[in-house]
Protein backbone atom coordinates (compact mmCIF):
# COMPACT_ATOMS: atom_id res chain seq x y z
CA UNK A 1 0.00 0.00 0.00
CA UNK A 2 1.70 3.26 -1.13
CA UNK A 3 1.53 6.73 0.40
CA UNK A 4 -1.29 9.05 -0.72
CA UNK A 5 -0.78 10.51 -4.17
CA UNK A 6 0.41 14.01 -5.08
CA UNK A 7 -3.13 15.37 -5.50
CA UNK A 8 -3.86 14.71 -1.83
CA UNK A 9 -0.80 16.62 -0.67
CA UNK A 10 -1.59 19.47 -3.06
CA UNK A 11 -5.04 19.74 -1.47
CA UNK A 12 -3.57 19.80 2.01
CA UNK A 13 -0.93 22.33 1.02
CA UNK A 14 -3.67 24.76 -0.02
CA UNK A 15 -4.95 24.80 3.59
CA UNK A 16 -1.80 26.50 4.89
CA UNK A 17 -2.50 30.02 6.18
CA UNK A 18 -0.12 31.67 3.73
CA UNK A 19 -1.05 34.34 1.18
CA UNK A 20 0.87 34.57 -2.09
CA UNK A 21 3.78 32.33 -1.03
CA UNK A 22 7.17 33.33 -2.35
CA UNK A 23 8.87 30.04 -1.54
CA UNK A 24 7.92 26.39 -1.26
CA UNK A 25 9.57 23.41 0.35
CA UNK A 26 9.57 19.84 -0.92
CA UNK A 27 8.36 17.24 1.57
CA UNK A 28 9.75 13.77 0.99
CA UNK A 29 8.56 10.29 1.83
CA UNK A 30 10.94 9.06 4.51
CA UNK A 31 10.84 5.41 3.41
CA UNK A 32 12.05 6.20 -0.12
CA UNK A 33 13.17 9.81 -0.38
CA UNK A 34 10.69 10.58 -3.18
CA UNK A 35 8.90 13.93 -3.15
CA UNK A 36 5.37 13.81 -1.73
CA UNK A 37 4.47 17.40 -2.49
CA UNK A 38 5.31 21.06 -2.04
CA UNK A 39 4.27 23.19 0.92
CA UNK A 40 4.40 27.02 1.02
CA UNK A 41 6.94 28.57 3.38
CA UNK A 42 5.48 31.17 5.71
CA UNK A 43 6.84 34.56 6.71
CA UNK A 44 6.42 36.90 9.67
CA UNK A 45 3.80 38.74 7.65
CA UNK A 46 1.81 35.51 7.27
CA UNK A 47 1.88 35.05 11.04
CA UNK A 48 0.73 38.62 11.61
CA UNK A 49 -2.13 38.18 9.14
CA UNK A 50 -3.20 34.85 10.66
CA UNK A 51 -3.06 36.32 14.17
CA UNK A 52 -5.20 39.29 13.11
CA UNK A 53 -7.77 36.98 11.53
CA UNK A 54 -7.63 34.77 14.60
CA UNK A 55 -8.34 37.63 16.98
CA UNK A 56 -11.38 38.58 14.96
CA UNK A 57 -12.72 35.03 14.99
CA UNK A 58 -11.78 34.41 18.63
CA UNK A 59 -14.16 36.98 20.08
CA UNK A 60 -17.16 35.25 18.46
CA UNK A 61 -15.86 31.79 19.39
CA UNK A 62 -15.34 32.76 23.04
CA UNK A 63 -18.93 34.05 23.15
CA UNK A 64 -20.20 30.56 22.41
CA UNK A 65 -20.80 28.28 25.39
CA UNK A 66 -18.20 25.64 26.27
CA UNK A 67 -20.79 22.99 25.41
CA UNK A 68 -21.22 24.44 21.92
CA UNK A 69 -17.46 24.47 21.42
CA UNK A 70 -17.22 20.91 22.74
CA UNK A 71 -19.77 19.74 20.18
CA UNK A 72 -17.42 20.79 17.37
CA UNK A 73 -14.59 18.77 18.93
CA UNK A 74 -16.85 15.74 19.34
CA UNK A 75 -17.63 15.88 15.62
CA UNK A 76 -13.91 16.18 14.94
CA UNK A 77 -13.21 13.06 16.99
CA UNK A 78 -15.76 11.13 14.94
CA UNK A 79 -14.06 12.30 11.73
CA UNK A 80 -10.66 11.21 13.06
CA UNK A 81 -12.05 7.73 13.64
CA UNK A 82 -13.64 7.68 10.19
CA UNK A 83 -10.47 8.84 8.41
CA UNK A 84 -7.90 7.13 10.63
CA UNK A 85 -6.35 5.07 7.82
CA UNK A 86 -5.75 8.17 5.72
CA UNK A 87 -4.27 10.05 8.68
CA UNK A 88 -1.93 7.16 9.44
CA UNK A 89 -0.81 7.10 5.81
CA UNK A 90 0.11 10.78 5.98
CA UNK A 91 1.91 10.41 9.32
CA UNK A 92 3.89 7.41 8.10
CA UNK A 93 4.82 9.10 4.83
CA UNK A 94 6.23 12.13 6.66
CA UNK A 95 7.89 10.40 9.62
CA UNK A 96 8.74 6.85 8.50
CA UNK A 97 7.33 5.31 11.69
CA UNK A 98 5.74 1.87 11.84
CA UNK A 99 1.96 1.57 11.42
CA UNK A 100 1.29 0.79 15.08
CA UNK A 101 3.29 3.86 16.14
CA UNK A 102 1.23 5.97 13.73
CA UNK A 103 -1.92 4.57 15.33
CA UNK A 104 -0.66 5.86 18.69
CA UNK A 105 -1.09 9.34 17.26
CA UNK A 106 -4.66 8.64 16.15
CA UNK A 107 -5.53 7.29 19.57
CA UNK A 108 -3.86 10.24 21.28
CA UNK A 109 -5.91 12.65 19.20
CA UNK A 110 -9.10 10.73 19.95
CA UNK A 111 -8.36 10.64 23.68
CA UNK A 112 -7.60 14.37 23.80
CA UNK A 113 -10.76 15.35 21.91
CA UNK A 114 -12.95 13.07 24.02
CA UNK A 115 -11.52 14.08 27.41
CA UNK A 116 -11.37 17.82 26.90
CA UNK A 117 -14.78 17.98 25.21
CA UNK A 118 -16.29 16.20 28.19
CA UNK A 119 -14.62 18.21 30.96
CA UNK A 120 -14.51 21.66 29.34
CA UNK A 121 -18.10 22.68 30.20
CA UNK A 122 -17.52 22.04 33.89
CA UNK A 123 -13.93 23.27 34.16
CA UNK A 124 -14.74 26.49 32.33
CA UNK A 125 -17.92 27.24 34.28
CA UNK A 126 -17.79 30.16 36.71
CA UNK A 127 -17.65 29.07 40.35
CA UNK A 128 -18.09 30.85 43.65
CA UNK A 129 -15.63 30.89 46.54
CA UNK A 130 -15.96 32.35 50.04
CA UNK A 131 -15.75 36.14 49.89
CA UNK A 132 -13.81 38.39 52.21
CA UNK A 133 -17.00 38.90 54.22
CA UNK A 134 -19.67 36.26 53.46
CA UNK A 135 -23.15 37.67 52.81
CA UNK A 136 -21.60 41.08 52.17
CA UNK A 137 -19.42 39.75 49.31
CA UNK A 138 -20.22 37.31 46.51
CA UNK A 139 -16.93 36.18 44.89
CA UNK A 140 -16.99 34.42 41.52
CA UNK A 141 -14.05 33.08 39.49
CA UNK A 142 -14.30 33.08 35.69
CA UNK A 143 -12.00 31.37 33.16
CA UNK A 144 -11.20 33.82 30.37
CA UNK A 145 -9.40 32.70 27.19
CA UNK A 146 -5.84 33.92 26.63
CA UNK A 147 -6.66 35.16 23.12
CA UNK A 148 -4.38 33.75 20.44
CA UNK A 149 -2.34 30.68 21.38
CA UNK A 150 0.75 29.54 19.47
CA UNK A 151 1.56 25.83 19.21
CA UNK A 152 5.06 25.03 17.96
CA UNK A 153 5.05 21.32 17.19
CA UNK A 154 7.85 18.77 16.63
CA UNK A 155 8.41 16.31 13.79
CA UNK A 156 8.38 13.08 15.77
CA UNK A 157 4.63 13.01 16.58
CA UNK A 158 3.45 15.69 14.16
CA UNK A 159 -0.28 14.98 14.42
CA UNK A 160 -1.00 14.59 18.12
CA UNK A 161 1.62 17.12 19.29
CA UNK A 162 0.21 19.83 17.04
CA UNK A 163 -3.57 19.49 16.79
CA UNK A 164 -3.69 17.48 20.03
CA UNK A 165 -2.35 20.55 21.85
CA UNK A 166 -4.62 22.88 19.86
CA UNK A 167 -7.74 21.05 21.07
CA UNK A 168 -7.77 22.26 24.71
CA UNK A 169 -6.71 25.75 23.62
CA UNK A 170 -9.67 25.91 21.24
CA UNK A 171 -12.07 24.53 23.83
CA UNK A 172 -10.90 27.22 26.25
CA UNK A 173 -12.15 29.82 23.76
CA UNK A 174 -8.88 30.77 22.04
CA UNK A 175 -7.76 31.08 18.46
CA UNK A 176 -4.72 28.92 17.65
CA UNK A 177 -1.74 29.32 15.34
CA UNK A 178 0.15 26.08 14.68
CA UNK A 179 3.71 25.97 13.39
CA UNK A 180 4.41 22.39 12.34
CA UNK A 181 7.98 21.24 11.94
CA UNK A 182 9.25 21.99 8.45
CA UNK A 183 9.68 18.26 7.78
CA UNK A 184 6.13 17.27 8.71
CA UNK A 185 3.54 19.92 7.78
CA UNK A 186 1.02 17.63 6.09
CA UNK A 187 0.03 15.79 9.28
CA UNK A 188 -1.09 19.04 10.93
CA UNK A 189 -2.84 20.18 7.75
CA UNK A 190 -4.69 16.86 7.42
CA UNK A 191 -6.08 17.18 10.95
CA UNK A 192 -6.89 20.87 10.41
CA UNK A 193 -8.94 19.89 7.37
CA UNK A 194 -11.06 17.61 9.57
CA UNK A 195 -11.51 20.36 12.16
CA UNK A 196 -12.85 22.69 9.47
CA UNK A 197 -15.19 19.94 8.30
CA UNK A 198 -16.36 19.50 11.89
CA UNK A 199 -17.52 23.11 11.93
CA UNK A 200 -14.55 25.00 13.36
CA UNK A 201 -14.45 28.54 11.93
CA UNK A 202 -11.60 28.68 9.41
CA UNK A 203 -9.77 31.69 10.87
CA UNK A 204 -9.87 30.21 14.36
CA UNK A 205 -7.12 27.70 13.53
CA UNK A 206 -4.26 28.60 11.21
CA UNK A 207 -1.43 26.27 10.23
CA UNK A 208 1.62 28.30 9.18
CA UNK A 209 4.53 26.14 7.98
CA UNK A 210 7.99 27.69 7.93
CA UNK A 211 11.34 27.89 9.72
CA UNK A 212 11.39 28.36 13.45
CA UNK A 213 13.71 31.36 13.22
CA UNK A 214 11.07 33.19 11.18
CA UNK A 215 7.61 31.75 11.79
CA UNK A 216 8.26 30.53 15.32
CA UNK A 217 9.79 33.84 16.40
CA UNK A 218 6.93 35.78 14.86
CA UNK A 219 4.43 33.65 16.78
CA UNK A 220 6.22 34.32 20.07
CA UNK A 221 6.27 38.04 19.24
CA UNK A 222 2.57 38.09 18.28
CA UNK A 223 0.60 35.54 20.33
CA UNK A 224 -0.62 35.56 23.92
CA UNK A 225 0.60 32.11 25.01
CA UNK A 226 3.04 29.49 23.71
CA UNK A 227 2.86 25.70 23.87
CA UNK A 228 6.09 24.09 22.67
CA UNK A 229 7.30 20.52 22.28
CA UNK A 230 10.94 19.95 21.40
CA UNK A 231 14.47 19.99 22.76
CA UNK A 232 15.42 21.40 26.14
CA UNK A 233 17.92 23.77 24.49
CA UNK A 234 15.26 25.31 22.23
CA UNK A 235 12.79 25.37 25.11
CA UNK A 236 15.17 27.52 27.15
CA UNK A 237 15.46 30.06 24.34
CA UNK A 238 11.71 30.24 23.81
CA UNK A 239 11.09 30.61 27.55
CA UNK A 240 13.42 33.62 27.58
CA UNK A 241 11.59 35.17 24.63
CA UNK A 242 8.22 34.60 26.31
CA UNK A 243 9.62 36.08 29.50
CA UNK A 244 10.58 39.25 27.65
CA UNK A 245 6.93 39.70 26.65
CA UNK A 246 5.53 38.36 29.95
CA UNK A 247 3.32 35.84 28.18
CA UNK A 248 2.54 32.34 29.42
CA UNK A 249 4.64 29.38 28.31
CA UNK A 250 4.48 25.62 28.70
CA UNK A 251 6.67 22.97 27.17
CA UNK A 252 7.40 19.29 27.01
CA UNK A 253 11.10 18.93 26.39
CA UNK A 254 13.76 16.22 26.26
CA UNK A 255 14.22 13.06 28.32
CA UNK A 256 16.82 10.45 29.20
CA UNK A 257 14.22 8.10 30.56
CA UNK A 258 15.06 5.15 32.84
CA UNK A 259 13.56 1.70 33.27
CA UNK A 260 14.11 -0.29 36.46
CA UNK A 261 13.84 -4.09 36.52
CA UNK A 262 14.10 -5.77 39.93
CA UNK A 263 14.56 -9.31 41.11
CA UNK A 264 11.20 -11.09 41.01
CA UNK A 265 9.83 -9.13 38.03
CA UNK A 266 8.28 -11.03 35.14
CA UNK A 267 11.30 -10.88 32.86
CA UNK A 268 9.53 -12.24 29.79
CA UNK A 269 6.91 -9.48 29.92
CA UNK A 270 9.46 -6.83 30.81
CA UNK A 271 11.77 -7.77 27.94
CA UNK A 272 8.97 -7.81 25.38
CA UNK A 273 7.46 -4.52 26.53
CA UNK A 274 10.89 -2.90 26.65
CA UNK A 275 11.17 -3.28 22.87
CA UNK A 276 8.15 -1.00 22.45
CA UNK A 277 9.27 1.29 25.25
CA UNK A 278 12.70 1.80 23.72
CA UNK A 279 12.07 1.64 20.00
CA UNK A 280 8.65 3.13 19.31
CA UNK A 281 9.07 5.50 16.38
CA UNK A 282 12.67 4.21 16.15
CA UNK A 283 13.35 5.72 19.58
CA UNK A 284 12.39 9.22 18.42
CA UNK A 285 10.07 9.83 21.34
CA UNK A 286 10.61 12.16 24.31
CA UNK A 287 9.16 9.60 26.73
CA UNK A 288 10.89 6.48 25.32
CA UNK A 289 13.40 4.53 27.43
CA UNK A 290 17.15 5.03 26.91
CA UNK A 291 18.53 3.60 30.19
CA UNK A 292 17.68 0.23 31.76
CA UNK A 293 18.82 -0.55 35.33
CA UNK A 294 18.52 -4.26 36.17
CA UNK A 295 19.18 -5.85 39.53
CA UNK A 296 22.38 -7.87 39.11
CA UNK A 297 20.93 -11.21 40.15
CA UNK A 298 18.62 -11.17 37.09
CA UNK A 299 20.63 -8.92 34.77
CA UNK A 300 22.03 -11.68 32.55
CA UNK A 301 18.68 -13.39 32.17
CA UNK A 302 16.84 -10.16 31.41
CA UNK A 303 19.53 -9.05 28.95
CA UNK A 304 19.35 -12.34 27.05
CA UNK A 305 15.57 -12.13 26.81
CA UNK A 306 15.63 -8.46 25.82
CA UNK A 307 18.28 -8.92 23.13
CA UNK A 308 16.35 -11.86 21.72
CA UNK A 309 13.15 -9.80 21.63
CA UNK A 310 14.94 -6.92 19.90
CA UNK A 311 16.42 -9.23 17.30
CA UNK A 312 13.00 -10.73 16.65
CA UNK A 313 11.50 -7.30 15.93
CA UNK A 314 11.09 -6.61 12.22
CA UNK A 315 12.63 -3.45 10.81
CA UNK A 316 10.72 -2.38 7.73
CA UNK A 317 9.12 0.21 5.44
CA UNK A 318 5.45 -0.63 5.12
CA UNK A 319 2.05 1.09 5.23
CA UNK A 320 0.57 -1.90 7.04
CA UNK A 321 1.22 -3.78 10.27
CA UNK A 322 4.05 -5.96 8.97
CA UNK A 323 6.89 -3.88 10.49
CA UNK A 324 7.64 -3.51 14.18
CA UNK A 325 10.15 -0.67 13.89
CA UNK A 326 10.30 2.04 11.26
CA UNK A 327 12.81 4.58 10.00
CA UNK A 328 14.60 7.57 11.41
CA UNK A 329 13.27 10.78 9.93
CA UNK A 330 16.36 12.56 8.62
CA UNK A 331 20.03 12.35 7.80
CA UNK A 332 20.75 14.43 10.90
CA UNK A 333 19.08 11.85 13.14
CA UNK A 334 20.90 9.02 11.38
CA UNK A 335 24.22 10.78 11.92
CA UNK A 336 23.49 11.44 15.60
CA UNK A 337 22.71 7.79 16.30
CA UNK A 338 25.73 6.61 14.30
CA UNK A 339 28.02 9.01 16.16
CA UNK A 340 26.70 7.96 19.57
CA UNK A 341 27.27 4.29 18.78
CA UNK A 342 30.75 4.93 17.34
CA UNK A 343 31.75 7.09 20.31
CA UNK A 344 30.51 4.52 22.82
CA UNK A 345 32.26 1.57 21.19
CA UNK A 346 35.49 3.54 20.80
CA UNK A 347 35.43 4.19 24.57
CA UNK A 348 34.77 0.58 25.55
CA UNK A 349 31.03 -0.04 25.26
CA UNK A 350 29.85 -3.43 24.03
CA UNK A 351 27.24 -3.74 21.29
CA UNK A 352 24.89 -6.54 22.33
CA UNK A 353 22.81 -6.26 19.16
CA UNK A 354 22.36 -3.82 16.29
CA UNK A 355 24.70 -0.89 15.81
CA UNK A 356 24.45 -0.47 12.05
CA UNK A 357 22.56 1.62 9.48
CA UNK A 358 20.36 -0.36 7.10
CA UNK A 359 20.35 1.34 3.70
CA UNK A 360 19.15 -1.94 2.19
CA UNK A 361 15.73 -1.26 3.78
CA UNK A 362 15.59 2.51 3.26
CA UNK A 363 17.88 5.53 3.26
CA UNK A 364 17.39 6.41 6.94
CA UNK A 365 16.99 3.06 8.70
CA UNK A 366 19.17 2.11 11.67
CA UNK A 367 19.08 -1.15 13.59
CA UNK A 368 17.63 -1.14 17.11
CA UNK A 369 20.77 -1.14 19.22
CA UNK A 370 21.47 -2.36 22.76
CA UNK A 371 24.72 -1.40 24.52
CA UNK A 372 26.44 -2.59 27.68
CA UNK A 373 29.37 -1.12 29.65
CA UNK A 374 28.27 2.44 28.91
CA UNK A 375 29.85 5.17 31.06
CA UNK A 376 29.11 8.84 31.65
CA UNK A 377 32.10 9.84 29.53
CA UNK A 378 30.37 8.52 26.43
CA UNK A 379 28.10 10.82 24.43
CA UNK A 380 25.11 8.52 24.95
CA UNK A 381 25.79 8.13 28.68
CA UNK A 382 23.97 11.24 29.86
CA UNK A 383 22.79 12.92 26.67
CA UNK A 384 19.53 12.15 24.90
CA UNK A 385 20.13 10.16 21.71
CA UNK A 386 16.56 10.34 20.43
CA UNK A 387 17.03 7.24 18.34
CA UNK A 388 17.00 3.42 18.50
CA UNK A 389 19.71 3.17 21.16
CA UNK A 390 19.42 1.92 24.75
CA UNK A 391 21.99 1.01 27.41
CA UNK A 392 21.72 -1.71 30.08
CA UNK A 393 23.28 -1.20 33.53
CA UNK A 394 23.41 -3.98 36.17
CA UNK A 395 22.93 -2.66 39.72
CA UNK A 396 23.30 -4.35 43.10
CA UNK A 397 20.22 -3.00 44.85
CA UNK A 398 16.91 -1.33 44.15
CA UNK A 399 18.15 1.71 46.05
CA UNK A 400 21.09 1.99 43.66
CA UNK A 401 18.74 1.73 40.69
CA UNK A 402 16.59 4.56 42.06
CA UNK A 403 19.64 6.72 42.77
CA UNK A 404 21.08 6.22 39.29
CA UNK A 405 17.73 6.69 37.59
CA UNK A 406 17.41 10.05 39.34
CA UNK A 407 21.00 11.08 38.55
CA UNK A 408 20.10 13.23 35.55
CA UNK A 409 19.02 16.75 34.66
CA UNK A 410 16.00 15.28 32.92
CA UNK A 411 12.80 14.06 34.55
CA UNK A 412 10.15 13.19 31.99
CA UNK A 413 9.12 9.52 32.15
CA UNK A 414 10.17 6.28 33.86
CA UNK A 415 9.21 2.62 33.78
CA UNK A 416 9.32 0.14 36.69
CA UNK A 417 9.08 -3.66 36.66
CA UNK A 418 9.09 -5.27 40.11
CA UNK A 419 7.96 -8.40 41.92
CA UNK A 420 4.59 -6.87 42.79
CA UNK A 421 2.48 -3.91 41.77
CA UNK A 422 2.85 -2.48 45.26
CA UNK A 423 6.64 -2.64 45.10
CA UNK A 424 6.61 -1.10 41.64
CA UNK A 425 4.44 1.76 42.84
CA UNK A 426 6.69 2.27 45.88
CA UNK A 427 9.72 2.55 43.62
CA UNK A 428 7.88 4.77 41.15
CA UNK A 429 7.00 7.34 43.81
CA UNK A 430 10.71 7.77 44.57
CA UNK A 431 11.60 8.61 40.97
CA UNK A 432 12.01 12.20 39.84
CA UNK A 433 9.86 12.01 36.74
CA UNK A 434 6.62 13.61 35.64
CA UNK A 435 5.11 10.23 34.73
CA UNK A 436 5.94 6.71 35.87
CA UNK A 437 4.54 3.52 34.36
CA UNK A 438 4.53 0.37 36.48
CA UNK A 439 4.64 -2.79 34.34
CA UNK A 440 4.64 -0.78 31.10
CA UNK A 441 6.85 1.65 29.24
CA UNK A 442 5.08 4.93 28.49
CA UNK A 443 1.74 4.40 26.71
CA UNK A 444 -0.60 4.11 29.74
CA UNK A 445 0.69 7.37 31.20
CA UNK A 446 0.37 9.13 27.86
CA UNK A 447 -3.11 7.70 27.34
CA UNK A 448 -4.34 8.70 30.81
CA UNK A 449 -5.56 12.01 29.42
CA UNK A 450 -7.32 12.98 32.65
CA UNK A 451 -3.95 13.04 34.45
CA UNK A 452 -1.28 15.73 33.99
CA UNK A 453 1.56 14.91 31.57
CA UNK A 454 4.90 16.70 31.62
CA UNK A 455 8.42 16.81 32.95
CA UNK A 456 10.56 17.83 35.89
CA UNK A 457 14.02 19.37 35.67
CA UNK A 458 14.97 20.34 32.11
CA UNK A 459 12.24 18.06 30.73
CA UNK A 460 9.55 20.68 30.74
CA UNK A 461 7.46 23.49 32.16
CA UNK A 462 3.76 23.08 32.94
CA UNK A 463 1.60 20.14 31.93
CA UNK A 464 -0.48 18.91 29.02
CA UNK A 465 -3.51 16.72 29.75
CA UNK A 466 -5.62 16.80 32.87
CA UNK A 467 -7.44 19.92 34.10
CA UNK A 468 -4.19 21.92 33.96
CA UNK A 469 -3.87 21.04 30.27
CA UNK A 470 -7.03 23.04 29.62
CA UNK A 471 -6.92 25.76 32.27
CA UNK A 472 -3.38 26.84 31.34
CA UNK A 473 -4.95 28.33 28.21
CA UNK A 474 -7.16 30.59 30.35
CA UNK A 475 -6.75 33.59 32.63
CA UNK A 476 -8.64 33.30 35.95
CA UNK A 477 -10.66 36.42 36.63
CA UNK A 478 -12.13 37.16 40.05
CA UNK A 479 -15.30 39.25 40.18
CA UNK A 480 -16.48 40.35 43.65
CA UNK A 481 -19.91 41.91 44.18
CA UNK A 482 -20.39 43.83 47.44
CA UNK A 483 -23.93 43.83 48.77
CA UNK A 484 -25.90 45.71 51.45
CA UNK A 485 -23.06 47.95 52.60
CA UNK A 486 -19.45 48.54 51.67
CA UNK A 487 -16.39 49.06 53.84
CA UNK A 488 -17.15 52.66 54.67
CA UNK A 489 -18.66 53.10 58.15
CA UNK A 490 -22.46 53.34 58.23
CA UNK A 491 -23.99 56.72 59.07
CA UNK A 492 -23.44 57.85 62.67
CA UNK A 493 -20.89 55.05 63.34
CA UNK A 494 -17.43 56.44 64.21
CA UNK A 495 -14.52 55.10 62.12
CA UNK A 496 -12.74 53.60 65.14
CA UNK A 497 -15.88 51.72 66.18
CA UNK A 498 -16.43 50.50 62.62
CA UNK A 499 -12.86 49.20 62.41
CA UNK A 500 -13.37 47.22 65.63
CA UNK A 501 -16.52 45.71 64.11
CA UNK A 502 -14.62 44.68 60.98
CA UNK A 503 -11.84 43.12 63.05
CA UNK A 504 -14.39 41.17 65.07
CA UNK A 505 -15.94 39.88 61.85
CA UNK A 506 -12.55 38.96 60.42
CA UNK A 507 -11.60 37.01 63.56
CA UNK A 508 -14.82 35.07 63.40
CA UNK A 509 -14.26 34.00 59.79
CA UNK A 510 -11.71 31.37 60.84
CA UNK A 511 -14.62 29.17 61.87
CA UNK A 512 -16.16 29.21 58.40
CA UNK A 513 -15.50 26.37 55.96
CA UNK A 514 -12.97 27.11 53.25
CA UNK A 515 -10.89 29.38 55.47
């Protein structure tokens, strides 16, 4: 089954919010290198125009009830289900990932639309809190949209990390500008097309492809809030730029995620699941596993089982379910993985399996690779590879595993396999990571859309998913109505007497609930 034809990509390209494009960029099929289509390259002027249109549309959108906005997203979710095969084709063509990894994006988009559409009416409803002086004051908190939200999305999960982040921003009453990665614009455009078909006003969501130095900077300079997914280094720069303008910022950034396997764990299950945890999307996943700490008494057995499971996984280029692991996305990624492997082996690491590019399968394929004897002096020891490379470390005790898992600047995701669920949970609570999966790698935490998702340390700021994933796109506004009499003394009551009355009232408030 081939990728969609050129006419499909031409149709999607026309949806980009770019007027009279001066330049275009060729987007290639990762599996083969052939050109899929051309996409217009945006400018700062395109961003300014899209933001102006968005502000005009946003006022009308925000005036609609949260339930009305949620109905649009429910229709969108139904369209995603209906057109899931087409969406997976586009994602695979742009990224080179295996079919099952592309389906993760479809499911993530479905989960986000379903969760936020269901909770938005309640979370966005005004609510009352105790006033300064009950009866005299009625205090209500309102959730006001930010205005125009920018979403700068990465190439590794270009569908769910672009439109998936736009969904809660839209439900909160905002307009959204999406800058997809220059390598993967068609995934965002394909989902945007379905949003328009679901009834979303066209100017409310604009996809502006283009380089980060131009389009991304213009969005930061123009919009009222930024959601970013990408590297920790870029996240730092964007946070500084947002700080200059005093606008809100949230980000999911890099990870050097650990897995812990203890004595008594089900090694067969752990080894099999570790293949998915380490090599989903060829390891190009912020929450994938790159370090495995195994208690020494079971380290050899686990390693044998894991290596065998890795070697049994099929590396392939296919638009069906026949491949377990897909391609890297670019020559840069291929070179990074190759350099990390070469550096590690030159400094004494042992390749247990893999370690080689596979041009016989496709131009950017690299074997899933497992290393032993990795040290901190090696490039892959402490730095994120973001590719199909994982290192195994035997440890003497569980306490050592926890200490070494936490010995990193990152803190995004972790996986624990122990003798019992209770022990796994006990270990997980001691790990410095935004999410921890017990007896799995990453997918259950990602799929638990009602729970916050994000990183500690240099792995992120703020959270996606959960109530915070919606409310971060709003400004809380407190409105207090004073009734009966205000804080001026009533007629004929001296000021000093009135102040004693107020103090008496204030002292008595400690007995009221909510104080």
